[in-house]
Amino acid sequence: MKIAIPVDDKTMESNICISFGRTPYFLIYDTKTKDSVFLDNSAAASQGGAGIKAAQTVVDRKVVALITPRCGENAAEVMQVANIKIYKSMNNSIRDNIEAVKNGKLSLLDDIHAGFHGHGGE
């Protein structure tokens, strides 16, 4: 199973990033081979639409699961169309969360936020 996780640094000891769309990097981890690849998130510098662009980066890597503390509705829609399950991280540890998802101990993320689309007061 390939898992995507937004992370602060390019190391397995990094913290999980609080922001999905603006995370500096994504970890793509394969539970079968234990391979880990760190990707730069080019969407982090976007003026707008960072969540959608970040989600497409994850989709393009053919992952089946995303572990994140939170996710905006536009990014979540991209994930849902691609049949990627979104799990809520349990703490900041990459390793703890990978083990938890492998053992079926992470909950699906159900509090998708509206995002920050600059529409002001609608």
PDB file of N, CA and C in Angstrom:
ATOM      1  N   MET A   1       0.844  -1.177   0.000  1.00  0.00           N
ATOM      2  CA  MET A   1       0.000   0.000   0.000  1.00  0.00           C
ATOM      3  C   MET A   1       0.890   1.241   0.000  1.00  0.00           C
ATOM      4  N   LYS A   2       0.598   2.181  -0.902  1.00  0.00           N
ATOM      5  CA  LYS A   2       1.340   3.443  -0.945  1.00  0.00           C
ATOM      6  C   LYS A   2       0.554   4.509  -0.188  1.00  0.00           C
ATOM      7  N   ILE A   3       1.255   5.194   0.715  1.00  0.00           N
ATOM      8  CA  ILE A   3       0.670   6.203   1.587  1.00  0.00           C
ATOM      9  C   ILE A   3       1.353   7.542   1.332  1.00  0.00           C
ATOM     10  N   ALA A   4       0.568   8.614   1.333  1.00  0.00           N
ATOM     11  CA  ALA A   4       1.122   9.964   1.248  1.00  0.00           C
ATOM     12  C   ALA A   4       0.923  10.661   2.592  1.00  0.00           C
ATOM     13  N   ILE A   5       1.942  11.423   3.001  1.00  0.00           N
ATOM     14  CA  ILE A   5       1.880  12.173   4.257  1.00  0.00           C
ATOM     15  C   ILE A   5       2.536  13.538   4.033  1.00  0.00           C
ATOM     16  N   PRO A   6       1.848  14.652   4.387  1.00  0.00           N
ATOM     17  CA  PRO A   6       2.502  15.967   4.318  1.00  0.00           C
ATOM     18  C   PRO A   6       3.493  16.098   5.480  1.00  0.00           C
ATOM     19  N   VAL A   7       4.739  16.463   5.172  1.00  0.00           N
ATOM     20  CA  VAL A   7       5.778  16.517   6.206  1.00  0.00           C
ATOM     21  C   VAL A   7       6.560  17.834   6.130  1.00  0.00           C
ATOM     22  N   ASP A   8       7.171  18.183   7.278  1.00  0.00           N
ATOM     23  CA  ASP A   8       7.926  19.438   7.383  1.00  0.00           C
ATOM     24  C   ASP A   8       9.325  19.342   6.785  1.00  0.00           C
ATOM     25  N   ASP A   9       9.938  18.157   6.836  1.00  0.00           N
ATOM     26  CA  ASP A   9      11.304  17.972   6.355  1.00  0.00           C
ATOM     27  C   ASP A   9      11.433  16.647   5.608  1.00  0.00           C
ATOM     28  N   LYS A  10      12.522  16.506   4.874  1.00  0.00           N
ATOM     29  CA  LYS A  10      12.770  15.291   4.083  1.00  0.00           C
ATOM     30  C   LYS A  10      13.484  14.230   4.913  1.00  0.00           C
ATOM     31  N   THR A  11      12.846  13.819   5.996  1.00  0.00           N
ATOM     32  CA  THR A  11      13.400  12.781   6.858  1.00  0.00           C
ATOM     33  C   THR A  11      12.261  12.048   7.555  1.00  0.00           C
ATOM     34  N   MET A  12      12.476  10.787   7.859  1.00  0.00           N
ATOM     35  CA  MET A  12      11.455   9.996   8.555  1.00  0.00           C
ATOM     36  C   MET A  12      11.254  10.476   9.995  1.00  0.00           C
ATOM     37  N   GLU A  13      12.181  11.270  10.504  1.00  0.00           N
ATOM     38  CA  GLU A  13      12.054  11.814  11.853  1.00  0.00           C
ATOM     39  C   GLU A  13      11.309  13.147  11.864  1.00  0.00           C
ATOM     40  N   SER A  14      10.929  13.631  10.712  1.00  0.00           N
ATOM     41  CA  SER A  14      10.199  14.895  10.585  1.00  0.00           C
ATOM     42  C   SER A  14       8.837  14.796  11.261  1.00  0.00           C
ATOM     43  N   ASN A  15       8.247  15.949  11.499  1.00  0.00           N
ATOM     44  CA  ASN A  15       6.863  16.011  11.963  1.00  0.00           C
ATOM     45  C   ASN A  15       5.928  16.002  10.761  1.00  0.00           C
ATOM     46  N   ILE A  16       4.725  15.520  10.982  1.00  0.00           N
ATOM     47  CA  ILE A  16       3.670  15.651   9.987  1.00  0.00           C
ATOM     48  C   ILE A  16       3.266  17.123   9.956  1.00  0.00           C
ATOM     49  N   CYS A  17       3.138  17.673   8.763  1.00  0.00           N
ATOM     50  CA  CYS A  17       2.798  19.089   8.599  1.00  0.00           C
ATOM     51  C   CYS A  17       1.303  19.294   8.840  1.00  0.00           C
ATOM     52  N   ILE A  18       0.952  20.362   9.522  1.00  0.00           N
ATOM     53  CA  ILE A  18      -0.438  20.683   9.830  1.00  0.00           C
ATOM     54  C   ILE A  18      -1.223  21.081   8.583  1.00  0.00           C
ATOM     55  N   SER A  19      -0.533  21.594   7.576  1.00  0.00           N
ATOM     56  CA  SER A  19      -1.203  22.080   6.367  1.00  0.00           C
ATOM     57  C   SER A  19      -0.962  21.134   5.200  1.00  0.00           C
ATOM     58  N   PHE A  20      -2.022  20.574   4.646  1.00  0.00           N
ATOM     59  CA  PHE A  20      -1.876  19.676   3.504  1.00  0.00           C
ATOM     60  C   PHE A  20      -1.424  20.439   2.259  1.00  0.00           C
ATOM     61  N   GLY A  21      -2.171  21.446   1.846  1.00  0.00           N
ATOM     62  CA  GLY A  21      -1.887  22.157   0.605  1.00  0.00           C
ATOM     63  C   GLY A  21      -0.596  22.947   0.611  1.00  0.00           C
ATOM     64  N   ARG A  22      -0.202  23.424   1.786  1.00  0.00           N
ATOM     65  CA  ARG A  22       1.001  24.265   1.895  1.00  0.00           C
ATOM     66  C   ARG A  22       2.182  23.543   2.532  1.00  0.00           C
ATOM     67  N   THR A  23       2.083  22.232   2.659  1.00  0.00           N
ATOM     68  CA  THR A  23       3.207  21.479   3.222  1.00  0.00           C
ATOM     69  C   THR A  23       4.449  21.656   2.343  1.00  0.00           C
ATOM     70  N   PRO A  24       5.634  21.727   2.937  1.00  0.00           N
ATOM     71  CA  PRO A  24       6.836  21.836   2.093  1.00  0.00           C
ATOM     72  C   PRO A  24       7.107  20.569   1.279  1.00  0.00           C
ATOM     73  N   TYR A  25       6.791  19.399   1.867  1.00  0.00           N
ATOM     74  CA  TYR A  25       7.126  18.124   1.223  1.00  0.00           C
ATOM     75  C   TYR A  25       6.015  17.102   1.453  1.00  0.00           C
ATOM     76  N   PHE A  26       5.986  16.109   0.583  1.00  0.00           N
ATOM     77  CA  PHE A  26       5.152  14.934   0.785  1.00  0.00           C
ATOM     78  C   PHE A  26       6.061  13.718   0.901  1.00  0.00           C
ATOM     79  N   LEU A  27       5.764  12.876   1.870  1.00  0.00           N
ATOM     80  CA  LEU A  27       6.397  11.569   1.950  1.00  0.00           C
ATOM     81  C   LEU A  27       5.475  10.587   1.246  1.00  0.00           C
ATOM     82  N   ILE A  28       6.014   9.827   0.315  1.00  0.00           N
ATOM     83  CA  ILE A  28       5.295   8.719  -0.306  1.00  0.00           C
ATOM     84  C   ILE A  28       5.960   7.462   0.235  1.00  0.00           C
ATOM     85  N   TYR A  29       5.200   6.686   0.998  1.00  0.00           N
ATOM     86  CA  TYR A  29       5.748   5.504   1.666  1.00  0.00           C
ATOM     87  C   TYR A  29       5.029   4.258   1.176  1.00  0.00           C
ATOM     88  N   ASP A  30       5.808   3.254   0.797  1.00  0.00           N
ATOM     89  CA  ASP A  30       5.261   1.985   0.334  1.00  0.00           C
ATOM     90  C   ASP A  30       5.392   0.965   1.463  1.00  0.00           C
ATOM     91  N   THR A  31       4.261   0.491   1.979  1.00  0.00           N
ATOM     92  CA  THR A  31       4.288  -0.428   3.117  1.00  0.00           C
ATOM     93  C   THR A  31       4.835  -1.812   2.746  1.00  0.00           C
ATOM     94  N   LYS A  32       4.770  -2.185   1.477  1.00  0.00           N
ATOM     95  CA  LYS A  32       5.289  -3.494   1.052  1.00  0.00           C
ATOM     96  C   LYS A  32       6.809  -3.478   0.945  1.00  0.00           C
ATOM     97  N   THR A  33       7.335  -2.465   0.239  1.00  0.00           N
ATOM     98  CA  THR A  33       8.786  -2.414   0.002  1.00  0.00           C
ATOM     99  C   THR A  33       9.524  -1.600   1.069  1.00  0.00           C
ATOM    100  N   LYS A  34       8.767  -0.830   1.864  1.00  0.00           N
ATOM    101  CA  LYS A  34       9.319   0.085   2.881  1.00  0.00           C
ATOM    102  C   LYS A  34      10.140   1.218   2.258  1.00  0.00           C
ATOM    103  N   ASP A  35       9.935   1.445   0.957  1.00  0.00           N
ATOM    104  CA  ASP A  35      10.595   2.561   0.277  1.00  0.00           C
ATOM    105  C   ASP A  35       9.917   3.865   0.673  1.00  0.00           C
ATOM    106  N   SER A  36      10.720   4.898   0.829  1.00  0.00           N
ATOM    107  CA  SER A  36      10.174   6.217   1.104  1.00  0.00           C
ATOM    108  C   SER A  36      10.784   7.220   0.131  1.00  0.00           C
ATOM    109  N   VAL A  37       9.922   8.054  -0.431  1.00  0.00           N
ATOM    110  CA  VAL A  37      10.340   9.094  -1.370  1.00  0.00           C
ATOM    111  C   VAL A  37       9.778  10.411  -0.856  1.00  0.00           C
ATOM    112  N   PHE A  38      10.614  11.436  -0.834  1.00  0.00           N
ATOM    113  CA  PHE A  38      10.166  12.761  -0.426  1.00  0.00           C
ATOM    114  C   PHE A  38      10.046  13.648  -1.661  1.00  0.00           C
ATOM    115  N   LEU A  39       8.882  14.243  -1.834  1.00  0.00           N
ATOM    116  CA  LEU A  39       8.618  15.120  -2.972  1.00  0.00           C
ATOM    117  C   LEU A  39       8.502  16.561  -2.515  1.00  0.00           C
ATOM    118  N   ASP A  40       9.080  17.476  -3.281  1.00  0.00           N
ATOM    119  CA  ASP A  40       8.835  18.896  -3.034  1.00  0.00           C
ATOM    120  C   ASP A  40       7.393  19.200  -3.422  1.00  0.00           C
ATOM    121  N   ASN A  41       6.724  19.993  -2.618  1.00  0.00           N
ATOM    122  CA  ASN A  41       5.350  20.391  -2.931  1.00  0.00           C
ATOM    123  C   ASN A  41       5.377  21.735  -3.649  1.00  0.00           C
ATOM    124  N   SER A  42       5.333  21.703  -4.961  1.00  0.00           N
ATOM    125  CA  SER A  42       5.374  22.939  -5.747  1.00  0.00           C
ATOM    126  C   SER A  42       4.136  23.799  -5.505  1.00  0.00           C
ATOM    127  N   ALA A  43       3.054  23.205  -5.006  1.00  0.00           N
ATOM    128  CA  ALA A  43       1.817  23.953  -4.740  1.00  0.00           C
ATOM    129  C   ALA A  43       1.959  24.885  -3.537  1.00  0.00           C
ATOM    130  N   ALA A  44       2.946  24.659  -2.689  1.00  0.00           N
ATOM    131  CA  ALA A  44       3.094  25.449  -1.460  1.00  0.00           C
ATOM    132  C   ALA A  44       3.240  26.940  -1.747  1.00  0.00           C
ATOM    133  N   ALA A  45       3.837  27.297  -2.871  1.00  0.00           N
ATOM    134  CA  ALA A  45       4.060  28.696  -3.214  1.00  0.00           C
ATOM    135  C   ALA A  45       2.946  29.295  -4.069  1.00  0.00           C
ATOM    136  N   SER A  46       1.905  28.526  -4.342  1.00  0.00           N
ATOM    137  CA  SER A  46       0.816  28.995  -5.209  1.00  0.00           C
ATOM    138  C   SER A  46       0.041  30.135  -4.572  1.00  0.00           C
ATOM    139  N   GLN A  47      -0.405  31.053  -5.406  1.00  0.00           N
ATOM    140  CA  GLN A  47      -1.259  32.139  -4.937  1.00  0.00           C
ATOM    141  C   GLN A  47      -2.591  31.594  -4.444  1.00  0.00           C
ATOM    142  N   GLY A  48      -3.150  30.659  -5.186  1.00  0.00           N
ATOM    143  CA  GLY A  48      -4.422  30.052  -4.816  1.00  0.00           C
ATOM    144  C   GLY A  48      -4.485  28.642  -5.357  1.00  0.00           C
ATOM    145  N   GLY A  49      -5.436  27.879  -4.861  1.00  0.00           N
ATOM    146  CA  GLY A  49      -5.612  26.521  -5.350  1.00  0.00           C
ATOM    147  C   GLY A  49      -4.539  25.553  -4.915  1.00  0.00           C
ATOM    148  N   ALA A  50      -3.840  25.865  -3.814  1.00  0.00           N
ATOM    149  CA  ALA A  50      -2.743  25.003  -3.362  1.00  0.00           C
ATOM    150  C   ALA A  50      -3.235  23.603  -3.025  1.00  0.00           C
ATOM    151  N   GLY A  51      -4.390  23.501  -2.397  1.00  0.00           N
ATOM    152  CA  GLY A  51      -4.908  22.187  -2.008  1.00  0.00           C
ATOM    153  C   GLY A  51      -5.168  21.293  -3.198  1.00  0.00           C
ATOM    154  N   ILE A  52      -5.774  21.858  -4.233  1.00  0.00           N
ATOM    155  CA  ILE A  52      -6.076  21.078  -5.440  1.00  0.00           C
ATOM    156  C   ILE A  52      -4.784  20.640  -6.120  1.00  0.00           C
ATOM    157  N   LYS A  53      -3.821  21.555  -6.242  1.00  0.00           N
ATOM    158  CA  LYS A  53      -2.543  21.213  -6.884  1.00  0.00           C
ATOM    159  C   LYS A  53      -1.794  20.164  -6.072  1.00  0.00           C
ATOM    160  N   ALA A  54      -1.798  20.315  -4.744  1.00  0.00           N
ATOM    161  CA  ALA A  54      -1.128  19.343  -3.881  1.00  0.00           C
ATOM    162  C   ALA A  54      -1.805  17.981  -3.995  1.00  0.00           C
ATOM    163  N   ALA A  55      -3.128  17.983  -4.023  1.00  0.00           N
ATOM    164  CA  ALA A  55      -3.877  16.727  -4.149  1.00  0.00           C
ATOM    165  C   ALA A  55      -3.538  16.024  -5.457  1.00  0.00           C
ATOM    166  N   GLN A  56      -3.389  16.781  -6.535  1.00  0.00           N
ATOM    167  CA  GLN A  56      -3.055  16.178  -7.825  1.00  0.00           C
ATOM    168  C   GLN A  56      -1.663  15.552  -7.780  1.00  0.00           C
ATOM    169  N   THR A  57      -0.737  16.178  -7.065  1.00  0.00           N
ATOM    170  CA  THR A  57       0.603  15.612  -6.891  1.00  0.00           C
ATOM    171  C   THR A  57       0.508  14.248  -6.215  1.00  0.00           C
ATOM    172  N   VAL A  58      -0.330  14.161  -5.196  1.00  0.00           N
ATOM    173  CA  VAL A  58      -0.508  12.904  -4.468  1.00  0.00           C
ATOM    174  C   VAL A  58      -1.178  11.865  -5.371  1.00  0.00           C
ATOM    175  N   VAL A  59      -2.225  12.257  -6.074  1.00  0.00           N
ATOM    176  CA  VAL A  59      -2.944  11.347  -6.973  1.00  0.00           C
ATOM    177  C   VAL A  59      -1.985  10.779  -8.029  1.00  0.00           C
ATOM    178  N   ASP A  60      -1.139  11.641  -8.572  1.00  0.00           N
ATOM    179  CA  ASP A  60      -0.204  11.220  -9.622  1.00  0.00           C
ATOM    180  C   ASP A  60       0.779  10.144  -9.149  1.00  0.00           C
ATOM    181  N   ARG A  61       0.974  10.042  -7.843  1.00  0.00           N
ATOM    182  CA  ARG A  61       1.896   9.037  -7.289  1.00  0.00           C
ATOM    183  C   ARG A  61       1.206   7.704  -7.023  1.00  0.00           C
ATOM    184  N   LYS A  62      -0.062   7.597  -7.381  1.00  0.00           N
ATOM    185  CA  LYS A  62      -0.817   6.339  -7.273  1.00  0.00           C
ATOM    186  C   LYS A  62      -0.896   5.803  -5.847  1.00  0.00           C
ATOM    187  N   VAL A  63      -1.093   6.705  -4.887  1.00  0.00           N
ATOM    188  CA  VAL A  63      -1.257   6.279  -3.503  1.00  0.00           C
ATOM    189  C   VAL A  63      -2.691   5.807  -3.274  1.00  0.00           C
ATOM    190  N   VAL A  64      -2.889   5.036  -2.226  1.00  0.00           N
ATOM    191  CA  VAL A  64      -4.232   4.585  -1.875  1.00  0.00           C
ATOM    192  C   VAL A  64      -4.727   5.223  -0.581  1.00  0.00           C
ATOM    193  N   ALA A  65      -3.806   5.885   0.141  1.00  0.00           N
ATOM    194  CA  ALA A  65      -4.184   6.503   1.407  1.00  0.00           C
ATOM    195  C   ALA A  65      -3.378   7.780   1.641  1.00  0.00           C
ATOM    196  N   LEU A  66      -4.026   8.723   2.284  1.00  0.00           N
ATOM    197  CA  LEU A  66      -3.392   9.969   2.723  1.00  0.00           C
ATOM    198  C   LEU A  66      -3.576  10.051   4.225  1.00  0.00           C
ATOM    199  N   ILE A  67      -2.504  10.372   4.942  1.00  0.00           N
ATOM    200  CA  ILE A  67      -2.585  10.616   6.378  1.00  0.00           C
ATOM    201  C   ILE A  67      -2.269  12.088   6.588  1.00  0.00           C
ATOM    202  N   THR A  68      -3.210  12.817   7.198  1.00  0.00           N
ATOM    203  CA  THR A  68      -3.049  14.255   7.377  1.00  0.00           C
ATOM    204  C   THR A  68      -3.886  14.728   8.568  1.00  0.00           C
ATOM    205  N   PRO A  69      -3.457  15.806   9.237  1.00  0.00           N
ATOM    206  CA  PRO A  69      -4.261  16.315  10.350  1.00  0.00           C
ATOM    207  C   PRO A  69      -5.548  16.985   9.889  1.00  0.00           C
ATOM    208  N   ARG A  70      -5.509  17.582   8.689  1.00  0.00           N
ATOM    209  CA  ARG A  70      -6.699  18.256   8.168  1.00  0.00           C
ATOM    210  C   ARG A  70      -6.582  18.385   6.657  1.00  0.00           C
ATOM    211  N   CYS A  71      -7.740  18.649   6.020  1.00  0.00           N
ATOM    212  CA  CYS A  71      -7.772  18.723   4.567  1.00  0.00           C
ATOM    213  C   CYS A  71      -8.936  19.608   4.152  1.00  0.00           C
ATOM    214  N   GLY A  72      -8.718  20.448   3.167  1.00  0.00           N
ATOM    215  CA  GLY A  72      -9.776  21.313   2.647  1.00  0.00           C
ATOM    216  C   GLY A  72     -10.699  20.556   1.707  1.00  0.00           C
ATOM    217  N   GLU A  73     -11.879  21.118   1.512  1.00  0.00           N
ATOM    218  CA  GLU A  73     -12.893  20.405   0.726  1.00  0.00           C
ATOM    219  C   GLU A  73     -12.494  20.203  -0.734  1.00  0.00           C
ATOM    220  N   ASN A  74     -11.815  21.151  -1.355  1.00  0.00           N
ATOM    221  CA  ASN A  74     -11.425  20.975  -2.759  1.00  0.00           C
ATOM    222  C   ASN A  74     -10.398  19.857  -2.917  1.00  0.00           C
ATOM    223  N   ALA A  75      -9.417  19.831  -2.023  1.00  0.00           N
ATOM    224  CA  ALA A  75      -8.421  18.757  -2.058  1.00  0.00           C
ATOM    225  C   ALA A  75      -9.083  17.415  -1.757  1.00  0.00           C
ATOM    226  N   ALA A  76      -9.998  17.400  -0.797  1.00  0.00           N
ATOM    227  CA  ALA A  76     -10.692  16.155  -0.433  1.00  0.00           C
ATOM    228  C   ALA A  76     -11.503  15.625  -1.613  1.00  0.00           C
ATOM    229  N   GLU A  77     -12.109  16.514  -2.379  1.00  0.00           N
ATOM    230  CA  GLU A  77     -12.879  16.080  -3.555  1.00  0.00           C
ATOM    231  C   GLU A  77     -11.974  15.396  -4.577  1.00  0.00           C
ATOM    232  N   VAL A  78     -10.776  15.957  -4.797  1.00  0.00           N
ATOM    233  CA  VAL A  78      -9.818  15.346  -5.725  1.00  0.00           C
ATOM    234  C   VAL A  78      -9.446  13.950  -5.232  1.00  0.00           C
ATOM    235  N   MET A  79      -9.214  13.823  -3.927  1.00  0.00           N
ATOM    236  CA  MET A  79      -8.861  12.524  -3.351  1.00  0.00           C
ATOM    237  C   MET A  79     -10.015  11.525  -3.504  1.00  0.00           C
ATOM    238  N   GLN A  80     -11.231  11.980  -3.250  1.00  0.00           N
ATOM    239  CA  GLN A  80     -12.386  11.089  -3.331  1.00  0.00           C
ATOM    240  C   GLN A  80     -12.602  10.582  -4.754  1.00  0.00           C
ATOM    241  N   VAL A  81     -12.435  11.446  -5.747  1.00  0.00           N
ATOM    242  CA  VAL A  81     -12.582  11.037  -7.144  1.00  0.00           C
ATOM    243  C   VAL A  81     -11.547   9.959  -7.502  1.00  0.00           C
ATOM    244  N   ALA A  82     -10.356  10.072  -6.911  1.00  0.00           N
ATOM    245  CA  ALA A  82      -9.277   9.111  -7.179  1.00  0.00           C
ATOM    246  C   ALA A  82      -9.341   7.886  -6.254  1.00  0.00           C
ATOM    247  N   ASN A  83     -10.398   7.800  -5.435  1.00  0.00           N
ATOM    248  CA  ASN A  83     -10.566   6.677  -4.498  1.00  0.00           C
ATOM    249  C   ASN A  83      -9.420   6.556  -3.499  1.00  0.00           C
ATOM    250  N   ILE A  84      -8.890   7.692  -3.055  1.00  0.00           N
ATOM    251  CA  ILE A  84      -7.847   7.716  -2.033  1.00  0.00           C
ATOM    252  C   ILE A  84      -8.516   7.969  -0.690  1.00  0.00           C
ATOM    253  N   LYS A  85      -8.262   7.091   0.265  1.00  0.00           N
ATOM    254  CA  LYS A  85      -8.826   7.262   1.609  1.00  0.00           C
ATOM    255  C   LYS A  85      -8.008   8.291   2.371  1.00  0.00           C
ATOM    256  N   ILE A  86      -8.706   9.171   3.082  1.00  0.00           N
ATOM    257  CA  ILE A  86      -8.046  10.212   3.874  1.00  0.00           C
ATOM    258  C   ILE A  86      -8.184   9.852   5.349  1.00  0.00           C
ATOM    259  N   TYR A  87      -7.039   9.620   5.999  1.00  0.00           N
ATOM    260  CA  TYR A  87      -7.016   9.272   7.417  1.00  0.00           C
ATOM    261  C   TYR A  87      -6.527  10.452   8.245  1.00  0.00           C
ATOM    262  N   LYS A  88      -7.100  10.593   9.426  1.00  0.00           N
ATOM    263  CA  LYS A  88      -6.680  11.654  10.349  1.00  0.00           C
ATOM    264  C   LYS A  88      -5.464  11.172  11.130  1.00  0.00           C
ATOM    265  N   SER A  89      -4.393  11.960  11.074  1.00  0.00           N
ATOM    266  CA  SER A  89      -3.186  11.601  11.820  1.00  0.00           C
ATOM    267  C   SER A  89      -3.489  11.630  13.318  1.00  0.00           C
ATOM    268  N   MET A  90      -2.820  10.754  14.071  1.00  0.00           N
ATOM    269  CA  MET A  90      -3.075  10.651  15.508  1.00  0.00           C
ATOM    270  C   MET A  90      -2.098  11.477  16.334  1.00  0.00           C
ATOM    271  N   ASN A  91      -0.940  11.790  15.757  1.00  0.00           N
ATOM    272  CA  ASN A  91       0.071  12.632  16.402  1.00  0.00           C
ATOM    273  C   ASN A  91       1.013  13.134  15.312  1.00  0.00           C
ATOM    274  N   ASN A  92       2.172  13.666  15.675  1.00  0.00           N
ATOM    275  CA  ASN A  92       3.101  14.223  14.684  1.00  0.00           C
ATOM    276  C   ASN A  92       4.114  13.221  14.158  1.00  0.00           C
ATOM    277  N   SER A  93       4.110  11.985  14.637  1.00  0.00           N
ATOM    278  CA  SER A  93       5.117  10.999  14.263  1.00  0.00           C
ATOM    279  C   SER A  93       4.748  10.265  12.977  1.00  0.00           C
ATOM    280  N   ILE A  94       5.628  10.351  11.995  1.00  0.00           N
ATOM    281  CA  ILE A  94       5.424   9.643  10.734  1.00  0.00           C
ATOM    282  C   ILE A  94       5.323   8.140  10.989  1.00  0.00           C
ATOM    283  N   ARG A  95       6.271   7.603  11.721  1.00  0.00           N
ATOM    284  CA  ARG A  95       6.323   6.154  11.964  1.00  0.00           C
ATOM    285  C   ARG A  95       5.086   5.654  12.718  1.00  0.00           C
ATOM    286  N   ASP A  96       4.667   6.379  13.758  1.00  0.00           N
ATOM    287  CA  ASP A  96       3.479   5.978  14.523  1.00  0.00           C
ATOM    288  C   ASP A  96       2.251   5.904  13.619  1.00  0.00           C
ATOM    289  N   ASN A  97       2.094   6.889  12.757  1.00  0.00           N
ATOM    290  CA  ASN A  97       0.922   6.946  11.893  1.00  0.00           C
ATOM    291  C   ASN A  97       0.955   5.866  10.813  1.00  0.00           C
ATOM    292  N   ILE A  98       2.126   5.575  10.276  1.00  0.00           N
ATOM    293  CA  ILE A  98       2.242   4.495   9.286  1.00  0.00           C
ATOM    294  C   ILE A  98       1.859   3.165   9.933  1.00  0.00           C
ATOM    295  N   GLU A  99       2.383   2.904  11.123  1.00  0.00           N
ATOM    296  CA  GLU A  99       2.043   1.656  11.822  1.00  0.00           C
ATOM    297  C   GLU A  99       0.550   1.595  12.134  1.00  0.00           C
ATOM    298  N   ALA A 100      -0.018   2.721  12.556  1.00  0.00           N
ATOM    299  CA  ALA A 100      -1.438   2.753  12.905  1.00  0.00           C
ATOM    300  C   ALA A 100      -2.319   2.472  11.692  1.00  0.00           C
ATOM    301  N   VAL A 101      -2.001   3.043  10.540  1.00  0.00           N
ATOM    302  CA  VAL A 101      -2.831   2.804   9.355  1.00  0.00           C
ATOM    303  C   VAL A 101      -2.673   1.357   8.875  1.00  0.00           C
ATOM    304  N   LYS A 102      -1.470   0.813   8.969  1.00  0.00           N
ATOM    305  CA  LYS A 102      -1.256  -0.586   8.585  1.00  0.00           C
ATOM    306  C   LYS A 102      -2.059  -1.530   9.465  1.00  0.00           C
ATOM    307  N   ASN A 103      -2.225  -1.173  10.732  1.00  0.00           N
ATOM    308  CA  ASN A 103      -2.941  -2.016  11.691  1.00  0.00           C
ATOM    309  C   ASN A 103      -4.416  -1.658  11.826  1.00  0.00           C
ATOM    310  N   GLY A 104      -4.911  -0.785  10.936  1.00  0.00           N
ATOM    311  CA  GLY A 104      -6.322  -0.424  10.958  1.00  0.00           C
ATOM    312  C   GLY A 104      -6.730   0.409  12.157  1.00  0.00           C
ATOM    313  N   LYS A 105      -5.808   1.183  12.713  1.00  0.00           N
ATOM    314  CA  LYS A 105      -6.098   1.932  13.934  1.00  0.00           C
ATOM    315  C   LYS A 105      -6.277   3.433  13.721  1.00  0.00           C
ATOM    316  N   LEU A 106      -6.225   3.903  12.481  1.00  0.00           N
ATOM    317  CA  LEU A 106      -6.474   5.318  12.218  1.00  0.00           C
ATOM    318  C   LEU A 106      -7.911   5.496  11.749  1.00  0.00           C
ATOM    319  N   SER A 107      -8.512   6.591  12.168  1.00  0.00           N
ATOM    320  CA  SER A 107      -9.873   6.923  11.737  1.00  0.00           C
ATOM    321  C   SER A 107      -9.827   7.695  10.431  1.00  0.00           C
ATOM    322  N   LEU A 108     -10.870   7.533   9.646  1.00  0.00           N
ATOM    323  CA  LEU A 108     -10.997   8.371   8.452  1.00  0.00           C
ATOM    324  C   LEU A 108     -11.214   9.810   8.888  1.00  0.00           C
ATOM    325  N   LEU A 109     -10.661  10.743   8.141  1.00  0.00           N
ATOM    326  CA  LEU A 109     -10.836  12.165   8.421  1.00  0.00           C
ATOM    327  C   LEU A 109     -12.245  12.562   7.994  1.00  0.00           C
ATOM    328  N   ASP A 110     -13.036  13.029   8.934  1.00  0.00           N
ATOM    329  CA  ASP A 110     -14.408  13.397   8.590  1.00  0.00           C
ATOM    330  C   ASP A 110     -14.695  14.877   8.787  1.00  0.00           C
ATOM    331  N   ASP A 111     -13.732  15.623   9.313  1.00  0.00           N
ATOM    332  CA  ASP A 111     -13.947  17.057   9.494  1.00  0.00           C
ATOM    333  C   ASP A 111     -13.200  17.845   8.417  1.00  0.00           C
ATOM    334  N   ILE A 112     -13.704  17.741   7.194  1.00  0.00           N
ATOM    335  CA  ILE A 112     -13.120  18.457   6.055  1.00  0.00           C
ATOM    336  C   ILE A 112     -13.509  19.925   6.177  1.00  0.00           C
ATOM    337  N   HIS A 113     -12.515  20.822   6.129  1.00  0.00           N
ATOM    338  CA  HIS A 113     -12.831  22.251   6.279  1.00  0.00           C
ATOM    339  C   HIS A 113     -13.073  22.901   4.925  1.00  0.00           C
ATOM    340  N   ALA A 114     -13.723  24.045   4.962  1.00  0.00           N
ATOM    341  CA  ALA A 114     -14.125  24.736   3.736  1.00  0.00           C
ATOM    342  C   ALA A 114     -12.937  25.274   2.949  1.00  0.00           C
ATOM    343  N   GLY A 115     -11.803  25.433   3.582  1.00  0.00           N
ATOM    344  CA  GLY A 115     -10.643  25.971   2.879  1.00  0.00           C
ATOM    345  C   GLY A 115     -10.612  27.478   2.986  1.00  0.00           C
ATOM    346  N   PHE A 116      -9.566  28.061   2.442  1.00  0.00           N
ATOM    347  CA  PHE A 116      -9.356  29.498   2.524  1.00  0.00           C
ATOM    348  C   PHE A 116      -9.271  30.034   1.106  1.00  0.00           C
ATOM    349  N   HIS A 117     -10.424  30.275   0.531  1.00  0.00           N
ATOM    350  CA  HIS A 117     -10.501  30.598  -0.899  1.00  0.00           C
ATOM    351  C   HIS A 117     -10.579  32.092  -1.191  1.00  0.00           C
ATOM    352  N   GLY A 118     -10.423  32.922  -0.171  1.00  0.00           N
ATOM    353  CA  GLY A 118     -10.420  34.357  -0.385  1.00  0.00           C
ATOM    354  C   GLY A 118     -11.772  34.920  -0.782  1.00  0.00           C
ATOM    355  N   HIS A 119     -12.851  34.220  -0.476  1.00  0.00           N
ATOM    356  CA  HIS A 119     -14.179  34.713  -0.836  1.00  0.00           C
ATOM    357  C   HIS A 119     -14.744  35.670   0.192  1.00  0.00           C
ATOM    358  N   GLY A 120     -14.162  35.728   1.364  1.00  0.00           N
ATOM    359  CA  GLY A 120     -14.579  36.628   2.417  1.00  0.00           C
ATOM    360  C   GLY A 120     -16.062  36.621   2.721  1.00  0.00           C
ATOM    361  N   GLY A 121     -16.440  36.298   3.875  1.00  0.00           N
ATOM    362  CA  GLY A 121     -17.778  36.431   4.419  1.00  0.00           C
ATOM    363  C   GLY A 121     -18.947  35.872   3.632  1.00  0.00           C
ATOM    364  N   GLU A 122     -18.748  34.936   2.754  1.00  0.00           N
ATOM    365  CA  GLU A 122     -19.887  34.371   2.016  1.00  0.00           C
ATOM    366  C   GLU A 122     -20.703  33.464   2.870  1.00  0.00           C
TER     367      GLU A 122
END
